[in-house]
Amino acid sequence: MFSKTRRIAAYPLLVIALVWAVLMGISIGTVHIPILSVVNIIWSNIFQTPLAAHVADMHENIVMNIRLPRVVLSGLVGASLAIAGAAFQGLLRNPLADPYTIGVSSGASVGAVLTLFFNLSLPFIGLYTLPVVSIMASFITIFLVLFFARQVDRTMRVETIILTGVIFSSFLGAMISLMIALTGEELRQIIGWLLGSVAMRGWEYVGIILPFFIIGTVILLLHAKELNAMSFGEDQAKHLGVNVERKKLNVLIAGSLLTGAAVAVSGTIGFVGLVIPHFIRILWGPDHKHLLPLSILAGAAFLILADLVSRIIIAPAVLPIGVITALIGAPIFALILMRRRFERS
């Protein structure tokens, strides 16, 4: 059904879509910058060549210091959430699984809300306190989830991990609600962060998420074969010679690393890790060797465009990007579920 030629053709298609999304995300805004000027500015800054005579210095500042880092950051966040969602869906054999299923997002959100609530500023890192605390909280959460899941079930079956994650998500969500209820002047800042945004985040935030994105992505891509095996069930994977417990732990840690880093720099952005892997799976099949890299490209393009919509839909005001992804993702996911049910009937 899903030919090799069809899968290979998906790569240039999604690369073109991603490049187009990047150019649109940089060009469109309160100040319109022609695409040729955008290309010339980026080229001249990378290769240290002179700017074209028609390019204004103001445009260069807007592109390099405001829009390009925002577009790159939204692309990295979208790619992180999408590949993590694809991995979790394959590992947990659950089409409704996404990066937030096992409580990682809730843990990172608790870390961020605590930072904002107590106005924390750690020595030596200052501005980086919020993302650092969020990432630390996400790791603590995943290790607690795995620890309690292992106490309940030594083999850490998928059902046990999911149920443990749901319990932790509910508990951490209650903690967030409690802190919001006790918050005064910081309420708007906390709510805005929880809704998700990549606004007013420069190259330093790109530097924060990039190493985690590279490490997590490499680990998951190296486990594509094992994810294919585990998607048919743990017993079947064991018969194929897969060390299920070790590979499961590796995938969980890599997916949590990606999710925690994404939440740390952008807040809670839903539906990307849920819808994008479904979209790729329907069009190009469930083989994780292609599903994972294609999800990276599609997730990055999707979130860049979602961020663009959030900037222009009620300009000059800006909507939280999490609102846009929910408005787009929820109907699409509903259509996907209806299509699956129709095919089964």
C-alpha atoms as a PDB file:
ATOM      1  CA  MET A   1       0.000   0.000   0.000  1.00  0.00           C
ATOM      2  CA  PHE A   2       2.816   2.384   0.874  1.00  0.00           C
ATOM      3  CA  SER A   3       5.442   1.976  -1.842  1.00  0.00           C
ATOM      4  CA  LYS A   4       9.090   2.847  -1.355  1.00  0.00           C
ATOM      5  CA  THR A   5       8.871   5.412  -4.164  1.00  0.00           C
ATOM      6  CA  ARG A   6       5.916   7.102  -2.481  1.00  0.00           C
ATOM      7  CA  ARG A   7       7.784   7.352   0.830  1.00  0.00           C
ATOM      8  CA  ILE A   8      10.916   8.746  -0.818  1.00  0.00           C
ATOM      9  CA  ALA A   9       8.825  11.316  -2.716  1.00  0.00           C
ATOM     10  CA  ALA A  10       7.487  12.548   0.634  1.00  0.00           C
ATOM     11  CA  TYR A  11      10.891  13.912   1.648  1.00  0.00           C
ATOM     12  CA  PRO A  12      11.297  16.581  -1.067  1.00  0.00           C
ATOM     13  CA  LEU A  13       7.613  17.472  -0.684  1.00  0.00           C
ATOM     14  CA  LEU A  14       7.942  18.132   3.039  1.00  0.00           C
ATOM     15  CA  VAL A  15      11.316  19.866   2.637  1.00  0.00           C
ATOM     16  CA  ILE A  16       9.713  22.264   0.159  1.00  0.00           C
ATOM     17  CA  ALA A  17       6.793  22.787   2.568  1.00  0.00           C
ATOM     18  CA  LEU A  18       9.224  23.514   5.410  1.00  0.00           C
ATOM     19  CA  VAL A  19      11.297  25.986   3.363  1.00  0.00           C
ATOM     20  CA  TRP A  20       8.106  27.732   2.244  1.00  0.00           C
ATOM     21  CA  ALA A  21       6.862  27.921   5.840  1.00  0.00           C
ATOM     22  CA  VAL A  22      10.191  29.401   6.990  1.00  0.00           C
ATOM     23  CA  LEU A  23      10.155  32.055   4.263  1.00  0.00           C
ATOM     24  CA  MET A  24       6.518  32.947   4.953  1.00  0.00           C
ATOM     25  CA  GLY A  25       7.153  33.085   8.696  1.00  0.00           C
ATOM     26  CA  ILE A  26      10.017  35.540   8.206  1.00  0.00           C
ATOM     27  CA  SER A  27       8.500  37.620   5.412  1.00  0.00           C
ATOM     28  CA  ILE A  28       4.990  38.226   6.762  1.00  0.00           C
ATOM     29  CA  GLY A  29       4.371  40.476   9.727  1.00  0.00           C
ATOM     30  CA  THR A  30       3.641  44.022  10.808  1.00  0.00           C
ATOM     31  CA  VAL A  31       6.529  45.044   8.565  1.00  0.00           C
ATOM     32  CA  HIS A  32       6.414  43.113   5.279  1.00  0.00           C
ATOM     33  CA  ILE A  33       9.816  42.004   4.007  1.00  0.00           C
ATOM     34  CA  PRO A  34      10.053  40.684   0.423  1.00  0.00           C
ATOM     35  CA  ILE A  35      11.132  37.058   0.178  1.00  0.00           C
ATOM     36  CA  LEU A  36      14.112  37.948  -2.035  1.00  0.00           C
ATOM     37  CA  SER A  37      15.286  40.356   0.661  1.00  0.00           C
ATOM     38  CA  VAL A  38      14.857  37.644   3.302  1.00  0.00           C
ATOM     39  CA  VAL A  39      16.974  35.221   1.256  1.00  0.00           C
ATOM     40  CA  ASN A  40      19.621  37.878   0.616  1.00  0.00           C
ATOM     41  CA  ILE A  41      19.821  38.832   4.316  1.00  0.00           C
ATOM     42  CA  ILE A  42      20.200  35.229   5.498  1.00  0.00           C
ATOM     43  CA  TRP A  43      22.723  34.440   2.739  1.00  0.00           C
ATOM     44  CA  SER A  44      24.847  37.495   3.486  1.00  0.00           C
ATOM     45  CA  ASN A  45      24.905  36.766   7.220  1.00  0.00           C
ATOM     46  CA  ILE A  46      25.858  33.116   6.746  1.00  0.00           C
ATOM     47  CA  PHE A  47      28.527  33.640   4.081  1.00  0.00           C
ATOM     48  CA  GLN A  48      29.576  37.163   5.128  1.00  0.00           C
ATOM     49  CA  THR A  49      28.783  38.736   1.773  1.00  0.00           C
ATOM     50  CA  PRO A  50      27.578  42.327   1.251  1.00  0.00           C
ATOM     51  CA  LEU A  51      23.853  43.023   1.409  1.00  0.00           C
ATOM     52  CA  ALA A  52      22.060  43.968  -1.788  1.00  0.00           C
ATOM     53  CA  ALA A  53      21.594  47.710  -2.257  1.00  0.00           C
ATOM     54  CA  HIS A  54      17.787  47.494  -1.995  1.00  0.00           C
ATOM     55  CA  VAL A  55      17.837  45.799   1.457  1.00  0.00           C
ATOM     56  CA  ALA A  56      17.258  48.177   4.375  1.00  0.00           C
ATOM     57  CA  ASP A  57      19.271  47.869   7.586  1.00  0.00           C
ATOM     58  CA  MET A  58      15.996  47.799   9.527  1.00  0.00           C
ATOM     59  CA  HIS A  59      14.909  44.722   7.595  1.00  0.00           C
ATOM     60  CA  GLU A  60      18.170  42.976   8.424  1.00  0.00           C
ATOM     61  CA  ASN A  61      17.665  43.658  12.122  1.00  0.00           C
ATOM     62  CA  ILE A  62      14.074  42.397  12.007  1.00  0.00           C
ATOM     63  CA  VAL A  63      15.047  39.214  10.161  1.00  0.00           C
ATOM     64  CA  MET A  64      18.160  38.257  12.101  1.00  0.00           C
ATOM     65  CA  ASN A  65      17.192  39.338  15.614  1.00  0.00           C
ATOM     66  CA  ILE A  66      13.406  38.919  15.749  1.00  0.00           C
ATOM     67  CA  ARG A  67      11.778  36.744  13.102  1.00  0.00           C
ATOM     68  CA  LEU A  68      14.458  34.203  12.185  1.00  0.00           C
ATOM     69  CA  PRO A  69      15.138  33.077  15.787  1.00  0.00           C
ATOM     70  CA  ARG A  70      11.369  32.894  16.372  1.00  0.00           C
ATOM     71  CA  VAL A  71      10.843  30.778  13.249  1.00  0.00           C
ATOM     72  CA  VAL A  72      13.805  28.510  14.063  1.00  0.00           C
ATOM     73  CA  LEU A  73      12.574  28.063  17.639  1.00  0.00           C
ATOM     74  CA  SER A  74       9.014  27.244  16.584  1.00  0.00           C
ATOM     75  CA  GLY A  75      10.378  24.776  14.025  1.00  0.00           C
ATOM     76  CA  LEU A  76      12.520  23.016  16.628  1.00  0.00           C
ATOM     77  CA  VAL A  77       9.620  22.861  19.096  1.00  0.00           C
ATOM     78  CA  GLY A  78       7.255  21.480  16.455  1.00  0.00           C
ATOM     79  CA  ALA A  79       9.803  18.918  15.286  1.00  0.00           C
ATOM     80  CA  SER A  80      10.526  17.843  18.877  1.00  0.00           C
ATOM     81  CA  LEU A  81       6.874  17.341  19.760  1.00  0.00           C
ATOM     82  CA  ALA A  82       6.091  15.558  16.483  1.00  0.00           C
ATOM     83  CA  ILE A  83       8.910  12.998  16.619  1.00  0.00           C
ATOM     84  CA  ALA A  84       8.298  12.399  20.332  1.00  0.00           C
ATOM     85  CA  GLY A  85       4.601  11.845  19.598  1.00  0.00           C
ATOM     86  CA  ALA A  86       5.394   9.402  16.798  1.00  0.00           C
ATOM     87  CA  ALA A  87       7.745   7.473  19.091  1.00  0.00           C
ATOM     88  CA  PHE A  88       5.279   7.339  21.986  1.00  0.00           C
ATOM     89  CA  GLN A  89       2.446   6.182  19.725  1.00  0.00           C
ATOM     90  CA  GLY A  90       4.593   3.361  18.388  1.00  0.00           C
ATOM     91  CA  LEU A  91       5.972   2.411  21.791  1.00  0.00           C
ATOM     92  CA  LEU A  92       2.660   2.530  23.646  1.00  0.00           C
ATOM     93  CA  ARG A  93       0.696   1.111  20.693  1.00  0.00           C
ATOM     94  CA  ASN A  94      -1.886   3.770  21.340  1.00  0.00           C
ATOM     95  CA  PRO A  95      -3.023   6.177  18.586  1.00  0.00           C
ATOM     96  CA  LEU A  96      -4.122   8.664  21.247  1.00  0.00           C
ATOM     97  CA  ALA A  97      -0.677   8.828  22.834  1.00  0.00           C
ATOM     98  CA  ASP A  98       1.336  12.014  22.553  1.00  0.00           C
ATOM     99  CA  PRO A  99       4.321  13.598  24.359  1.00  0.00           C
ATOM    100  CA  TYR A 100       2.089  14.467  27.325  1.00  0.00           C
ATOM    101  CA  THR A 101       0.714  10.981  27.945  1.00  0.00           C
ATOM    102  CA  ILE A 102       3.187  10.057  30.661  1.00  0.00           C
ATOM    103  CA  GLY A 103       3.111  13.371  32.502  1.00  0.00           C
ATOM    104  CA  VAL A 104       6.331  14.920  31.174  1.00  0.00           C
ATOM    105  CA  SER A 105       4.594  18.090  29.986  1.00  0.00           C
ATOM    106  CA  SER A 106       2.793  18.491  33.297  1.00  0.00           C
ATOM    107  CA  GLY A 107       6.092  18.097  35.155  1.00  0.00           C
ATOM    108  CA  ALA A 108       7.822  20.721  33.009  1.00  0.00           C
ATOM    109  CA  SER A 109       4.836  23.032  33.439  1.00  0.00           C
ATOM    110  CA  VAL A 110       5.010  22.676  37.216  1.00  0.00           C
ATOM    111  CA  GLY A 111       8.690  23.638  37.123  1.00  0.00           C
ATOM    112  CA  ALA A 112       7.933  26.713  35.020  1.00  0.00           C
ATOM    113  CA  VAL A 113       4.966  27.798  37.138  1.00  0.00           C
ATOM    114  CA  LEU A 114       7.035  27.415  40.319  1.00  0.00           C
ATOM    115  CA  THR A 115       9.720  29.619  38.764  1.00  0.00           C
ATOM    116  CA  LEU A 116       7.192  32.296  37.830  1.00  0.00           C
ATOM    117  CA  PHE A 117       5.229  31.962  41.089  1.00  0.00           C
ATOM    118  CA  PHE A 118       8.264  32.417  43.344  1.00  0.00           C
ATOM    119  CA  ASN A 119      10.120  34.661  40.874  1.00  0.00           C
ATOM    120  CA  LEU A 120      13.120  32.333  41.066  1.00  0.00           C
ATOM    121  CA  SER A 121      16.498  33.281  39.651  1.00  0.00           C
ATOM    122  CA  LEU A 122      19.257  30.732  40.074  1.00  0.00           C
ATOM    123  CA  PRO A 123      22.840  31.961  40.524  1.00  0.00           C
ATOM    124  CA  PHE A 124      25.022  32.143  37.395  1.00  0.00           C
ATOM    125  CA  ILE A 125      22.210  31.303  34.940  1.00  0.00           C
ATOM    126  CA  GLY A 126      19.751  34.153  35.542  1.00  0.00           C
ATOM    127  CA  LEU A 127      17.635  34.324  32.353  1.00  0.00           C
ATOM    128  CA  TYR A 128      17.969  30.572  31.861  1.00  0.00           C
ATOM    129  CA  THR A 129      16.340  29.768  35.209  1.00  0.00           C
ATOM    130  CA  LEU A 130      12.909  29.103  33.683  1.00  0.00           C
ATOM    131  CA  PRO A 131      13.998  26.585  31.002  1.00  0.00           C
ATOM    132  CA  VAL A 132      16.547  24.897  33.287  1.00  0.00           C
ATOM    133  CA  VAL A 133      14.037  24.343  36.090  1.00  0.00           C
ATOM    134  CA  SER A 134      11.426  23.136  33.566  1.00  0.00           C
ATOM    135  CA  ILE A 135      13.789  20.578  32.053  1.00  0.00           C
ATOM    136  CA  MET A 136      14.858  19.383  35.499  1.00  0.00           C
ATOM    137  CA  ALA A 137      11.203  18.995  36.522  1.00  0.00           C
ATOM    138  CA  SER A 138      10.431  17.005  33.361  1.00  0.00           C
ATOM    139  CA  PHE A 139      13.272  14.575  34.076  1.00  0.00           C
ATOM    140  CA  ILE A 140      12.197  14.179  37.703  1.00  0.00           C
ATOM    141  CA  THR A 141       8.674  13.429  36.484  1.00  0.00           C
ATOM    142  CA  ILE A 142       9.696  10.756  33.980  1.00  0.00           C
ATOM    143  CA  PHE A 143      11.945   9.028  36.498  1.00  0.00           C
ATOM    144  CA  LEU A 144       9.149   9.066  39.105  1.00  0.00           C
ATOM    145  CA  VAL A 145       6.681   7.682  36.568  1.00  0.00           C
ATOM    146  CA  LEU A 146       9.088   4.898  35.602  1.00  0.00           C
ATOM    147  CA  PHE A 147       9.948   4.204  39.253  1.00  0.00           C
ATOM    148  CA  PHE A 148       6.327   3.816  40.345  1.00  0.00           C
ATOM    149  CA  ALA A 149       5.433   1.872  37.198  1.00  0.00           C
ATOM    150  CA  ARG A 150       8.262  -0.541  37.957  1.00  0.00           C
ATOM    151  CA  GLN A 151       7.084  -0.945  41.574  1.00  0.00           C
ATOM    152  CA  VAL A 152       3.641  -1.898  40.318  1.00  0.00           C
ATOM    153  CA  ASP A 153       4.814  -4.052  37.424  1.00  0.00           C
ATOM    154  CA  ARG A 154       8.429  -5.242  37.155  1.00  0.00           C
ATOM    155  CA  THR A 155       8.095  -5.687  33.380  1.00  0.00           C
ATOM    156  CA  MET A 156       6.757  -2.122  33.019  1.00  0.00           C
ATOM    157  CA  ARG A 157       4.022  -3.048  30.593  1.00  0.00           C
ATOM    158  CA  VAL A 158       2.630  -0.317  28.369  1.00  0.00           C
ATOM    159  CA  GLU A 159      -0.698  -0.207  30.204  1.00  0.00           C
ATOM    160  CA  THR A 160       1.072   0.347  33.520  1.00  0.00           C
ATOM    161  CA  ILE A 161       3.178   3.219  32.164  1.00  0.00           C
ATOM    162  CA  ILE A 162       0.128   4.929  30.650  1.00  0.00           C
ATOM    163  CA  LEU A 163      -1.928   4.631  33.836  1.00  0.00           C
ATOM    164  CA  THR A 164       0.970   5.875  35.965  1.00  0.00           C
ATOM    165  CA  GLY A 165       1.454   8.810  33.609  1.00  0.00           C
ATOM    166  CA  VAL A 166      -2.235   9.705  33.772  1.00  0.00           C
ATOM    167  CA  ILE A 167      -2.108   9.661  37.579  1.00  0.00           C
ATOM    168  CA  PHE A 168       0.937  11.942  37.653  1.00  0.00           C
ATOM    169  CA  SER A 169      -0.583  14.285  35.057  1.00  0.00           C
ATOM    170  CA  SER A 170      -3.740  14.643  37.125  1.00  0.00           C
ATOM    171  CA  PHE A 171      -1.796  15.296  40.331  1.00  0.00           C
ATOM    172  CA  LEU A 172       0.584  17.804  38.723  1.00  0.00           C
ATOM    173  CA  GLY A 173      -2.316  19.511  36.965  1.00  0.00           C
ATOM    174  CA  ALA A 174      -3.960  19.991  40.357  1.00  0.00           C
ATOM    175  CA  MET A 175      -0.733  21.549  41.678  1.00  0.00           C
ATOM    176  CA  ILE A 176      -0.685  23.993  38.764  1.00  0.00           C
ATOM    177  CA  SER A 177      -4.320  24.926  39.399  1.00  0.00           C
ATOM    178  CA  LEU A 178      -3.537  25.504  43.069  1.00  0.00           C
ATOM    179  CA  MET A 179      -0.632  27.819  42.274  1.00  0.00           C
ATOM    180  CA  ILE A 180      -2.732  29.735  39.755  1.00  0.00           C
ATOM    181  CA  ALA A 181      -5.463  30.149  42.369  1.00  0.00           C
ATOM    182  CA  LEU A 182      -2.902  31.586  44.811  1.00  0.00           C
ATOM    183  CA  THR A 183      -1.295  33.852  42.240  1.00  0.00           C
ATOM    184  CA  GLY A 184      -1.847  37.596  42.166  1.00  0.00           C
ATOM    185  CA  GLU A 185      -0.059  39.852  39.731  1.00  0.00           C
ATOM    186  CA  GLU A 186       1.772  36.962  38.031  1.00  0.00           C
ATOM    187  CA  LEU A 187      -1.508  35.319  36.911  1.00  0.00           C
ATOM    188  CA  ARG A 188      -1.469  36.739  33.382  1.00  0.00           C
ATOM    189  CA  GLN A 189       2.178  35.760  32.874  1.00  0.00           C
ATOM    190  CA  ILE A 190       1.570  32.193  34.074  1.00  0.00           C
ATOM    191  CA  ILE A 191      -1.591  31.704  32.024  1.00  0.00           C
ATOM    192  CA  GLY A 192       0.147  33.096  28.947  1.00  0.00           C
ATOM    193  CA  TRP A 193       3.068  30.709  29.410  1.00  0.00           C
ATOM    194  CA  LEU A 194       0.777  27.714  29.891  1.00  0.00           C
ATOM    195  CA  LEU A 195      -1.051  28.523  26.646  1.00  0.00           C
ATOM    196  CA  GLY A 196       2.239  28.295  24.754  1.00  0.00           C
ATOM    197  CA  SER A 197       4.236  30.918  22.885  1.00  0.00           C
ATOM    198  CA  VAL A 198       7.540  31.445  21.069  1.00  0.00           C
ATOM    199  CA  ALA A 199       7.265  35.245  21.102  1.00  0.00           C
ATOM    200  CA  MET A 200      10.066  37.412  22.499  1.00  0.00           C
ATOM    201  CA  ARG A 201      12.515  34.517  22.619  1.00  0.00           C
ATOM    202  CA  GLY A 202      15.817  35.107  20.888  1.00  0.00           C
ATOM    203  CA  TRP A 203      18.757  32.982  19.814  1.00  0.00           C
ATOM    204  CA  GLU A 204      19.534  32.055  23.432  1.00  0.00           C
ATOM    205  CA  TYR A 205      16.367  29.931  23.553  1.00  0.00           C
ATOM    206  CA  VAL A 206      17.336  28.265  20.280  1.00  0.00           C
ATOM    207  CA  GLY A 207      20.657  27.434  21.919  1.00  0.00           C
ATOM    208  CA  ILE A 208      18.827  25.940  24.902  1.00  0.00           C
ATOM    209  CA  ILE A 209      16.609  23.519  22.952  1.00  0.00           C
ATOM    210  CA  LEU A 210      19.044  22.634  20.128  1.00  0.00           C
ATOM    211  CA  PRO A 211      21.376  20.213  22.001  1.00  0.00           C
ATOM    212  CA  PHE A 212      18.416  18.400  23.567  1.00  0.00           C
ATOM    213  CA  PHE A 213      16.720  18.199  20.171  1.00  0.00           C
ATOM    214  CA  ILE A 214      19.822  16.711  18.549  1.00  0.00           C
ATOM    215  CA  ILE A 215      20.408  14.143  21.302  1.00  0.00           C
ATOM    216  CA  GLY A 216      16.763  13.071  21.565  1.00  0.00           C
ATOM    217  CA  THR A 217      16.289  12.884  17.807  1.00  0.00           C
ATOM    218  CA  VAL A 218      19.423  10.814  17.232  1.00  0.00           C
ATOM    219  CA  ILE A 219      18.397   8.335  19.950  1.00  0.00           C
ATOM    220  CA  LEU A 220      14.908   7.896  18.484  1.00  0.00           C
ATOM    221  CA  LEU A 221      16.141   7.556  14.900  1.00  0.00           C
ATOM    222  CA  LEU A 222      18.569   4.849  16.048  1.00  0.00           C
ATOM    223  CA  HIS A 223      15.621   3.012  17.648  1.00  0.00           C
ATOM    224  CA  ALA A 224      13.357   3.075  14.570  1.00  0.00           C
ATOM    225  CA  LYS A 225      13.804  -0.651  13.955  1.00  0.00           C
ATOM    226  CA  GLU A 226      12.992  -1.499  17.574  1.00  0.00           C
ATOM    227  CA  LEU A 227       9.921   0.769  17.497  1.00  0.00           C
ATOM    228  CA  ASN A 228       8.683  -1.143  14.452  1.00  0.00           C
ATOM    229  CA  ALA A 229       9.039  -4.377  16.391  1.00  0.00           C
ATOM    230  CA  MET A 230       7.457  -3.064  19.606  1.00  0.00           C
ATOM    231  CA  SER A 231       4.492  -1.605  17.740  1.00  0.00           C
ATOM    232  CA  PHE A 232       3.346  -5.200  17.184  1.00  0.00           C
ATOM    233  CA  GLY A 233       3.523  -5.976  20.899  1.00  0.00           C
ATOM    234  CA  GLU A 234       6.224  -6.592  23.463  1.00  0.00           C
ATOM    235  CA  ASP A 235       6.038 -10.381  23.217  1.00  0.00           C
ATOM    236  CA  GLN A 236       6.503 -10.250  19.453  1.00  0.00           C
ATOM    237  CA  ALA A 237       9.426  -7.846  19.885  1.00  0.00           C
ATOM    238  CA  LYS A 238      11.097 -10.229  22.347  1.00  0.00           C
ATOM    239  CA  HIS A 239      10.776 -13.079  19.844  1.00  0.00           C
ATOM    240  CA  LEU A 240      12.554 -10.849  17.324  1.00  0.00           C
ATOM    241  CA  GLY A 241      15.465 -10.425  19.723  1.00  0.00           C
ATOM    242  CA  VAL A 242      14.687  -6.922  21.024  1.00  0.00           C
ATOM    243  CA  ASN A 243      15.728  -6.115  24.582  1.00  0.00           C
ATOM    244  CA  VAL A 244      12.305  -4.625  25.274  1.00  0.00           C
ATOM    245  CA  GLU A 245      12.898  -3.117  28.713  1.00  0.00           C
ATOM    246  CA  ARG A 246      16.143  -1.377  27.773  1.00  0.00           C
ATOM    247  CA  LYS A 247      14.861  -0.090  24.424  1.00  0.00           C
ATOM    248  CA  LYS A 248      11.613   1.046  26.031  1.00  0.00           C
ATOM    249  CA  LEU A 249      13.552   3.011  28.624  1.00  0.00           C
ATOM    250  CA  ASN A 250      15.738   4.607  25.940  1.00  0.00           C
ATOM    251  CA  VAL A 251      12.710   5.696  23.910  1.00  0.00           C
ATOM    252  CA  LEU A 252      10.932   7.057  26.985  1.00  0.00           C
ATOM    253  CA  ILE A 253      13.980   9.074  28.054  1.00  0.00           C
ATOM    254  CA  ALA A 254      14.598  10.438  24.537  1.00  0.00           C
ATOM    255  CA  GLY A 255      10.943  11.364  24.050  1.00  0.00           C
ATOM    256  CA  SER A 256      10.814  12.973  27.473  1.00  0.00           C
ATOM    257  CA  LEU A 257      14.021  14.888  26.754  1.00  0.00           C
ATOM    258  CA  LEU A 258      12.490  16.308  23.584  1.00  0.00           C
ATOM    259  CA  THR A 259       9.182  17.119  25.230  1.00  0.00           C
ATOM    260  CA  GLY A 260      10.711  18.643  28.344  1.00  0.00           C
ATOM    261  CA  ALA A 261      13.018  20.887  26.318  1.00  0.00           C
ATOM    262  CA  ALA A 262      10.167  21.978  24.040  1.00  0.00           C
ATOM    263  CA  VAL A 263       7.873  22.791  26.957  1.00  0.00           C
ATOM    264  CA  ALA A 264      10.708  24.611  28.710  1.00  0.00           C
ATOM    265  CA  VAL A 265      11.209  27.122  25.898  1.00  0.00           C
ATOM    266  CA  SER A 266       7.658  27.479  24.575  1.00  0.00           C
ATOM    267  CA  GLY A 267       5.142  26.447  27.232  1.00  0.00           C
ATOM    268  CA  THR A 268       2.410  23.879  26.700  1.00  0.00           C
ATOM    269  CA  ILE A 269       1.557  23.396  23.020  1.00  0.00           C
ATOM    270  CA  GLY A 270      -0.890  20.600  22.369  1.00  0.00           C
ATOM    271  CA  PHE A 271      -1.972  18.462  19.404  1.00  0.00           C
ATOM    272  CA  VAL A 272       1.307  18.705  17.463  1.00  0.00           C
ATOM    273  CA  GLY A 273       2.576  15.367  18.785  1.00  0.00           C
ATOM    274  CA  LEU A 274      -0.890  13.872  18.370  1.00  0.00           C
ATOM    275  CA  VAL A 275      -1.984  14.995  14.895  1.00  0.00           C
ATOM    276  CA  ILE A 276       1.261  15.167  12.900  1.00  0.00           C
ATOM    277  CA  PRO A 277       2.275  11.483  13.386  1.00  0.00           C
ATOM    278  CA  HIS A 278      -1.301  10.457  12.444  1.00  0.00           C
ATOM    279  CA  PHE A 279      -1.102  12.587   9.316  1.00  0.00           C
ATOM    280  CA  ILE A 280       2.231  11.063   8.299  1.00  0.00           C
ATOM    281  CA  ARG A 281       1.090   7.534   9.122  1.00  0.00           C
ATOM    282  CA  ILE A 282      -2.027   7.863   6.949  1.00  0.00           C
ATOM    283  CA  LEU A 283      -0.172   9.281   3.950  1.00  0.00           C
ATOM    284  CA  TRP A 284       3.110   7.373   4.068  1.00  0.00           C
ATOM    285  CA  GLY A 285       2.680   4.391   6.356  1.00  0.00           C
ATOM    286  CA  PRO A 286       3.694   3.271   9.859  1.00  0.00           C
ATOM    287  CA  ASP A 287       7.346   2.354   9.219  1.00  0.00           C
ATOM    288  CA  HIS A 288       9.261   4.321  11.867  1.00  0.00           C
ATOM    289  CA  LYS A 289      12.343   4.520   9.652  1.00  0.00           C
ATOM    290  CA  HIS A 290      10.361   7.030   7.600  1.00  0.00           C
ATOM    291  CA  LEU A 291       7.672   8.040  10.081  1.00  0.00           C
ATOM    292  CA  LEU A 292      10.148   9.675  12.489  1.00  0.00           C
ATOM    293  CA  PRO A 293      12.096  11.885  10.024  1.00  0.00           C
ATOM    294  CA  LEU A 294       8.937  12.806   8.113  1.00  0.00           C
ATOM    295  CA  SER A 295       7.277  13.789  11.389  1.00  0.00           C
ATOM    296  CA  ILE A 296      10.218  16.109  12.104  1.00  0.00           C
ATOM    297  CA  LEU A 297       9.737  17.943   8.802  1.00  0.00           C
ATOM    298  CA  ALA A 298       5.938  18.109   9.033  1.00  0.00           C
ATOM    299  CA  GLY A 299       5.930  19.092  12.714  1.00  0.00           C
ATOM    300  CA  ALA A 300       8.394  21.921  12.127  1.00  0.00           C
ATOM    301  CA  ALA A 301       6.457  23.294   9.144  1.00  0.00           C
ATOM    302  CA  PHE A 302       3.124  23.008  10.973  1.00  0.00           C
ATOM    303  CA  LEU A 303       4.204  24.915  14.072  1.00  0.00           C
ATOM    304  CA  ILE A 304       5.942  27.645  12.041  1.00  0.00           C
ATOM    305  CA  LEU A 305       2.710  28.228  10.128  1.00  0.00           C
ATOM    306  CA  ALA A 306       0.645  28.040  13.329  1.00  0.00           C
ATOM    307  CA  ASP A 307       2.886  30.694  14.877  1.00  0.00           C
ATOM    308  CA  LEU A 308       2.478  32.835  11.759  1.00  0.00           C
ATOM    309  CA  VAL A 309      -1.305  32.597  12.057  1.00  0.00           C
ATOM    310  CA  SER A 310      -1.109  33.503  15.758  1.00  0.00           C
ATOM    311  CA  ARG A 311       0.781  36.696  14.820  1.00  0.00           C
ATOM    312  CA  ILE A 312      -1.453  37.935  12.008  1.00  0.00           C
ATOM    313  CA  ILE A 313      -4.968  36.736  12.808  1.00  0.00           C
ATOM    314  CA  ILE A 314      -5.717  39.611  15.223  1.00  0.00           C
ATOM    315  CA  ALA A 315      -2.681  41.827  14.491  1.00  0.00           C
ATOM    316  CA  PRO A 316      -1.181  43.823  16.111  1.00  0.00           C
ATOM    317  CA  ALA A 317      -2.209  41.608  19.064  1.00  0.00           C
ATOM    318  CA  VAL A 318      -0.746  38.092  19.212  1.00  0.00           C
ATOM    319  CA  LEU A 319      -2.633  34.929  20.172  1.00  0.00           C
ATOM    320  CA  PRO A 320      -0.875  32.172  22.143  1.00  0.00           C
ATOM    321  CA  ILE A 321       0.326  29.557  19.688  1.00  0.00           C
ATOM    322  CA  GLY A 322      -1.226  26.811  21.840  1.00  0.00           C
ATOM    323  CA  VAL A 323      -4.659  28.259  21.060  1.00  0.00           C
ATOM    324  CA  ILE A 324      -3.989  28.060  17.312  1.00  0.00           C
ATOM    325  CA  THR A 325      -2.693  24.476  17.434  1.00  0.00           C
ATOM    326  CA  ALA A 326      -5.764  23.444  19.423  1.00  0.00           C
ATOM    327  CA  LEU A 327      -8.158  25.185  17.016  1.00  0.00           C
ATOM    328  CA  ILE A 328      -6.442  23.534  14.048  1.00  0.00           C
ATOM    329  CA  GLY A 329      -5.498  20.218  15.616  1.00  0.00           C
ATOM    330  CA  ALA A 330      -8.762  19.294  17.320  1.00  0.00           C
ATOM    331  CA  PRO A 331     -10.944  19.323  14.155  1.00  0.00           C
ATOM    332  CA  ILE A 332      -8.247  17.559  12.131  1.00  0.00           C
ATOM    333  CA  PHE A 333      -7.900  14.859  14.778  1.00  0.00           C
ATOM    334  CA  ALA A 334     -11.697  14.462  14.885  1.00  0.00           C
ATOM    335  CA  LEU A 335     -11.719  13.959  11.103  1.00  0.00           C
ATOM    336  CA  ILE A 336      -8.925  11.389  11.399  1.00  0.00           C
ATOM    337  CA  LEU A 337     -10.864   9.418  14.012  1.00  0.00           C
ATOM    338  CA  MET A 338     -14.045   9.569  11.894  1.00  0.00           C
ATOM    339  CA  ARG A 339     -12.095   8.345   8.875  1.00  0.00           C
ATOM    340  CA  ARG A 340     -10.635   5.428  10.845  1.00  0.00           C
ATOM    341  CA  ARG A 341     -14.065   4.446  12.115  1.00  0.00           C
ATOM    342  CA  PHE A 342     -15.549   4.684   8.607  1.00  0.00           C
ATOM    343  CA  GLU A 343     -12.778   2.447   7.215  1.00  0.00           C
ATOM    344  CA  ARG A 344     -13.391  -0.174   9.924  1.00  0.00           C
ATOM    345  CA  SER A 345     -17.128  -0.199   9.288  1.00  0.00           C
END
